[in-house]
Amino acid sequence: MQSKTYEITFVGQAGRALRAEFDDCEVSVGPGTTTLRAELPDQSALQGLLQRISGLGLELIDMRVIAPPPQ
């Protein structure tokens, strides 16, 4: 199975401590939201990331697969 890149956005601007919880992701902070970008090898890894988000009490507002660049 080929890995996929996901963008996951949740409500709130992640501070330094919260960004540290996602040190395995690229973290972008916008106005009122935080977006994580991560290349994940399989559905199990995606579920693990979503459980981390949920466990921290964060409100998920968007999740999408980023299409790989054309080869």
C-alpha atoms as a PDB file:
ATOM      1  CA  MET A   1       0.000   0.000   0.000  1.00  0.00           C
ATOM      2  CA  GLN A   2       1.294   3.419  -0.955  1.00  0.00           C
ATOM      3  CA  SER A   3       1.499   6.092   1.752  1.00  0.00           C
ATOM      4  CA  LYS A   4      -0.812   9.104   1.504  1.00  0.00           C
ATOM      5  CA  THR A   5      -0.423  12.696   2.619  1.00  0.00           C
ATOM      6  CA  TYR A   6      -3.234  14.056   4.784  1.00  0.00           C
ATOM      7  CA  GLU A   7      -4.156  17.566   5.877  1.00  0.00           C
ATOM      8  CA  ILE A   8      -6.155  17.657   9.096  1.00  0.00           C
ATOM      9  CA  THR A   9      -7.502  20.949  10.451  1.00  0.00           C
ATOM     10  CA  PHE A  10      -8.829  21.598  13.928  1.00  0.00           C
ATOM     11  CA  VAL A  11     -10.216  24.621  15.770  1.00  0.00           C
ATOM     12  CA  GLY A  12      -7.797  26.851  17.659  1.00  0.00           C
ATOM     13  CA  GLN A  13      -4.264  28.098  17.259  1.00  0.00           C
ATOM     14  CA  ALA A  14      -1.814  25.546  18.591  1.00  0.00           C
ATOM     15  CA  GLY A  15       0.757  26.963  20.961  1.00  0.00           C
ATOM     16  CA  ARG A  16       4.269  25.632  21.428  1.00  0.00           C
ATOM     17  CA  ALA A  17       3.237  22.800  23.792  1.00  0.00           C
ATOM     18  CA  LEU A  18       0.450  21.571  21.514  1.00  0.00           C
ATOM     19  CA  ARG A  19       2.673  21.776  18.418  1.00  0.00           C
ATOM     20  CA  ALA A  20       5.184  19.584  20.283  1.00  0.00           C
ATOM     21  CA  GLU A  21       2.485  16.880  20.523  1.00  0.00           C
ATOM     22  CA  PHE A  22       2.561  16.729  16.719  1.00  0.00           C
ATOM     23  CA  ASP A  23       6.307  16.883  16.113  1.00  0.00           C
ATOM     24  CA  ASP A  24       5.911  14.132  13.502  1.00  0.00           C
ATOM     25  CA  CYS A  25       3.670  16.424  11.406  1.00  0.00           C
ATOM     26  CA  GLU A  26       4.113  19.696   9.555  1.00  0.00           C
ATOM     27  CA  VAL A  27       2.076  22.194  11.612  1.00  0.00           C
ATOM     28  CA  SER A  28       0.570  25.394  10.146  1.00  0.00           C
ATOM     29  CA  VAL A  29      -1.261  27.870  12.359  1.00  0.00           C
ATOM     30  CA  GLY A  30      -3.850  30.115  10.715  1.00  0.00           C
ATOM     31  CA  PRO A  31      -6.495  32.517  11.969  1.00  0.00           C
ATOM     32  CA  GLY A  32      -8.411  30.436  14.504  1.00  0.00           C
ATOM     33  CA  THR A  33      -7.263  27.063  13.161  1.00  0.00           C
ATOM     34  CA  THR A  34      -4.306  24.707  13.086  1.00  0.00           C
ATOM     35  CA  THR A  35      -3.561  22.376  10.190  1.00  0.00           C
ATOM     36  CA  LEU A  36      -1.442  19.259  10.381  1.00  0.00           C
ATOM     37  CA  ARG A  37       0.119  17.743   7.270  1.00  0.00           C
ATOM     38  CA  ALA A  38       1.476  14.233   7.526  1.00  0.00           C
ATOM     39  CA  GLU A  39       2.492  11.453   5.183  1.00  0.00           C
ATOM     40  CA  LEU A  40       1.072   8.283   6.670  1.00  0.00           C
ATOM     41  CA  PRO A  41       1.806   4.729   5.561  1.00  0.00           C
ATOM     42  CA  ASP A  42      -1.633   3.215   6.197  1.00  0.00           C
ATOM     43  CA  GLN A  43      -5.095   3.538   7.749  1.00  0.00           C
ATOM     44  CA  SER A  44      -3.790   2.413  11.127  1.00  0.00           C
ATOM     45  CA  ALA A  45      -1.390   5.380  11.262  1.00  0.00           C
ATOM     46  CA  LEU A  46      -4.234   7.713  10.271  1.00  0.00           C
ATOM     47  CA  GLN A  47      -6.432   6.307  13.054  1.00  0.00           C
ATOM     48  CA  GLY A  48      -3.598   6.817  15.537  1.00  0.00           C
ATOM     49  CA  LEU A  49      -3.222  10.463  14.557  1.00  0.00           C
ATOM     50  CA  LEU A  50      -6.978  11.038  14.755  1.00  0.00           C
ATOM     51  CA  GLN A  51      -7.039   9.415  18.212  1.00  0.00           C
ATOM     52  CA  ARG A  52      -4.273  11.759  19.380  1.00  0.00           C
ATOM     53  CA  ILE A  53      -6.309  14.739  18.171  1.00  0.00           C
ATOM     54  CA  SER A  54      -9.450  13.437  19.867  1.00  0.00           C
ATOM     55  CA  GLY A  55      -7.580  12.568  23.069  1.00  0.00           C
ATOM     56  CA  LEU A  56      -6.412  16.169  23.349  1.00  0.00           C
ATOM     57  CA  GLY A  57     -10.035  17.361  23.103  1.00  0.00           C
ATOM     58  CA  LEU A  58      -9.482  19.168  19.794  1.00  0.00           C
ATOM     59  CA  GLU A  59     -12.405  19.863  17.474  1.00  0.00           C
ATOM     60  CA  LEU A  60     -11.717  18.458  14.002  1.00  0.00           C
ATOM     61  CA  ILE A  61     -13.150  20.626  11.223  1.00  0.00           C
ATOM     62  CA  ASP A  62     -11.577  19.244   8.032  1.00  0.00           C
ATOM     63  CA  MET A  63      -9.593  16.288   6.776  1.00  0.00           C
ATOM     64  CA  ARG A  64      -8.434  15.659   3.232  1.00  0.00           C
ATOM     65  CA  VAL A  65      -6.038  13.560   1.233  1.00  0.00           C
ATOM     66  CA  ILE A  66      -3.535  15.640  -0.690  1.00  0.00           C
ATOM     67  CA  ALA A  67      -3.031  14.339  -4.204  1.00  0.00           C
ATOM     68  CA  PRO A  68       0.550  13.359  -4.986  1.00  0.00           C
ATOM     69  CA  PRO A  69       2.292  15.548  -7.556  1.00  0.00           C
ATOM     70  CA  PRO A  70       2.030  14.196 -11.103  1.00  0.00           C
ATOM     71  CA  GLN A  71       5.012  12.087 -12.117  1.00  0.00           C
END
